[in-house]
């Protein structure tokens, strides 16, 4: 997954809301996001990073950042690992529906960066391990979606 050379990122402003829960995973995903944005030419001052306690709080964090008008798009990063209780299902469902609602009713794209896995090993594989870093994909998606949204207002 890559970004077309015809996309100009120089004026794009990115918000990243990252969960503190499963921090070893979410920080690796965040690093992948930031590295990829910089690879495509995004300057540090065009990236705002905010933390929230857990994945369920990503929705509020993203909504407030969107309302601020400081960014053109948001990447919501979290990681939920299945346990022995239905907590996993409630958190994943609520966060997913919340991000869907932000995309349906908001004015800027919110990229779904919620990693949902059965085990810690699977999360590690997707956050810089054998399967790469999904943070890279989240960043590319954000660039493409901001470009798409901006193309409709020109």
Protein backbone atom coordinates (compact mmCIF):
# COMPACT_ATOMS: atom_id res chain seq x y z
CA UNK A 1 0.00 0.00 0.00
CA UNK A 2 1.52 3.30 -1.05
CA UNK A 3 0.64 6.93 -1.73
CA UNK A 4 0.54 8.31 -5.27
CA UNK A 5 3.23 10.88 -6.02
CA UNK A 6 0.45 13.20 -7.22
CA UNK A 7 -0.86 13.63 -3.67
CA UNK A 8 0.48 16.76 -2.00
CA UNK A 9 0.77 16.26 1.77
CA UNK A 10 2.44 19.61 2.48
CA UNK A 11 -0.70 21.26 3.85
CA UNK A 12 -2.30 18.18 5.42
CA UNK A 13 -2.67 18.18 9.21
CA UNK A 14 -2.89 14.85 11.00
CA UNK A 15 -4.28 13.97 14.40
CA UNK A 16 -3.38 10.73 16.10
CA UNK A 17 -5.31 9.52 19.13
CA UNK A 18 -3.54 6.60 20.77
CA UNK A 19 -4.65 4.32 23.57
CA UNK A 20 -2.36 3.83 26.57
CA UNK A 21 -3.78 0.32 27.13
CA UNK A 22 -1.49 -2.38 25.65
CA UNK A 23 1.08 0.41 25.36
CA UNK A 24 3.89 -1.75 23.98
CA UNK A 25 1.68 -2.47 20.97
CA UNK A 26 0.06 0.95 20.53
CA UNK A 27 3.40 2.77 20.77
CA UNK A 28 4.85 0.54 18.06
CA UNK A 29 1.81 1.25 15.87
CA UNK A 30 2.22 4.97 16.60
CA UNK A 31 5.88 4.78 15.58
CA UNK A 32 4.81 3.15 12.31
CA UNK A 33 2.28 5.92 11.68
CA UNK A 34 4.73 8.74 12.36
CA UNK A 35 7.56 7.15 10.36
CA UNK A 36 5.29 6.63 7.36
CA UNK A 37 3.83 10.13 7.48
CA UNK A 38 7.36 11.55 7.57
CA UNK A 39 8.42 9.24 4.74
CA UNK A 40 5.77 10.92 2.57
CA UNK A 41 6.90 14.40 3.58
CA UNK A 42 4.66 15.33 6.49
CA UNK A 43 6.43 17.72 8.88
CA UNK A 44 6.45 17.19 12.66
CA UNK A 45 4.40 20.33 13.27
CA UNK A 46 1.60 18.89 11.10
CA UNK A 47 1.16 15.88 13.42
CA UNK A 48 -0.76 16.22 16.71
CA UNK A 49 -0.59 13.19 19.01
CA UNK A 50 -3.00 12.79 21.93
CA UNK A 51 -3.31 9.89 24.37
CA UNK A 52 -6.41 8.37 25.92
CA UNK A 53 -6.56 5.66 28.61
CA UNK A 54 -8.07 2.85 26.54
CA UNK A 55 -9.53 1.86 23.21
CA UNK A 56 -13.09 2.69 24.25
CA UNK A 57 -11.98 6.29 24.85
CA UNK A 58 -10.62 6.60 21.30
CA UNK A 59 -14.05 7.74 20.13
CA UNK A 60 -14.29 10.66 22.54
CA UNK A 61 -10.66 11.59 21.93
CA UNK A 62 -11.13 11.56 18.16
CA UNK A 63 -14.43 13.46 18.36
CA UNK A 64 -12.91 16.22 20.46
CA UNK A 65 -9.86 16.49 18.22
CA UNK A 66 -12.11 16.68 15.16
CA UNK A 67 -14.16 19.46 16.77
CA UNK A 68 -10.98 21.43 17.49
CA UNK A 69 -10.46 22.15 13.79
CA UNK A 70 -6.72 21.59 14.22
CA UNK A 71 -6.50 18.57 11.91
CA UNK A 72 -7.71 17.39 8.50
CA UNK A 73 -7.92 13.74 9.48
CA UNK A 74 -7.45 11.48 12.48
CA UNK A 75 -5.92 8.08 13.05
CA UNK A 76 -7.38 6.25 16.08
CA UNK A 77 -4.86 3.70 17.39
CA UNK A 78 -5.74 1.03 19.93
CA UNK A 79 -5.21 -2.63 20.70
CA UNK A 80 -7.68 -5.00 22.31
CA UNK A 81 -6.60 -8.58 23.02
CA UNK A 82 -9.27 -11.21 23.63
CA UNK A 83 -9.54 -12.46 27.20
CA UNK A 84 -11.79 -14.86 29.04
CA UNK A 85 -14.73 -12.48 29.42
CA UNK A 86 -17.05 -10.71 26.95
CA UNK A 87 -15.25 -7.41 27.72
CA UNK A 88 -13.34 -7.76 24.42
CA UNK A 89 -16.59 -7.86 22.44
CA UNK A 90 -18.06 -4.81 24.16
CA UNK A 91 -14.93 -2.68 23.78
CA UNK A 92 -14.39 -3.65 20.14
CA UNK A 93 -18.03 -3.17 19.24
CA UNK A 94 -18.35 0.19 20.99
CA UNK A 95 -15.10 1.60 19.61
CA UNK A 96 -15.86 0.36 16.11
CA UNK A 97 -19.38 1.77 16.07
CA UNK A 98 -18.14 5.05 17.51
CA UNK A 99 -15.54 5.44 14.77
CA UNK A 100 -18.14 4.55 12.15
CA UNK A 101 -20.42 7.26 13.57
CA UNK A 102 -17.61 9.83 13.47
CA UNK A 103 -17.04 9.03 9.81
CA UNK A 104 -20.74 9.17 8.96
CA UNK A 105 -21.52 12.38 10.80
CA UNK A 106 -18.21 14.23 10.95
CA UNK A 107 -16.46 16.44 8.46
CA UNK A 108 -13.05 14.77 8.47
CA UNK A 109 -11.97 11.15 8.03
CA UNK A 110 -11.19 9.04 11.08
CA UNK A 111 -9.02 6.04 10.25
CA UNK A 112 -9.79 2.83 12.12
CA UNK A 113 -6.54 1.76 13.73
CA UNK A 114 -7.95 -0.59 16.35
CA UNK A 115 -5.96 -3.81 16.36
CA UNK A 116 -8.14 -6.67 17.62
CA UNK A 117 -6.39 -9.96 18.21
CA UNK A 118 -6.81 -13.20 20.06
CA UNK A 119 -3.31 -13.17 21.57
CA UNK A 120 -0.48 -10.82 22.46
CA UNK A 121 1.69 -12.68 19.94
CA UNK A 122 -0.74 -11.80 17.12
CA UNK A 123 -0.67 -8.15 18.19
CA UNK A 124 3.14 -8.15 18.22
CA UNK A 125 3.22 -9.71 14.74
CA UNK A 126 1.04 -6.86 13.41
CA UNK A 127 2.82 -4.02 15.20
CA UNK A 128 6.31 -4.42 13.82
CA UNK A 129 6.78 -8.18 13.87
CA UNK A 130 6.59 -10.84 11.18
CA UNK A 131 3.51 -9.36 9.54
CA UNK A 132 4.84 -5.79 9.42
CA UNK A 133 3.42 -2.74 11.15
CA UNK A 134 -0.23 -1.88 10.58
CA UNK A 135 0.65 1.68 11.61
CA UNK A 136 2.16 2.11 8.14
CA UNK A 137 -1.18 1.19 6.57
CA UNK A 138 -3.08 3.53 8.89
CA UNK A 139 -0.85 6.45 7.81
CA UNK A 140 -1.24 5.71 4.09
CA UNK A 141 -5.00 5.40 4.54
CA UNK A 142 -5.12 8.75 6.35
CA UNK A 143 -3.21 10.49 3.56
CA UNK A 144 -5.50 9.01 0.92
CA UNK A 145 -8.68 9.82 2.83
CA UNK A 146 -7.65 13.42 3.54
CA UNK A 147 -6.80 13.81 -0.14
CA UNK A 148 -10.19 12.36 -1.05
CA UNK A 149 -12.06 14.67 1.34
CA UNK A 150 -10.13 17.72 0.14
CA UNK A 151 -10.73 16.84 -3.50
CA UNK A 152 -14.47 17.23 -2.91
CA UNK A 153 -14.13 20.80 -1.63
CA UNK A 154 -11.90 22.19 -4.37
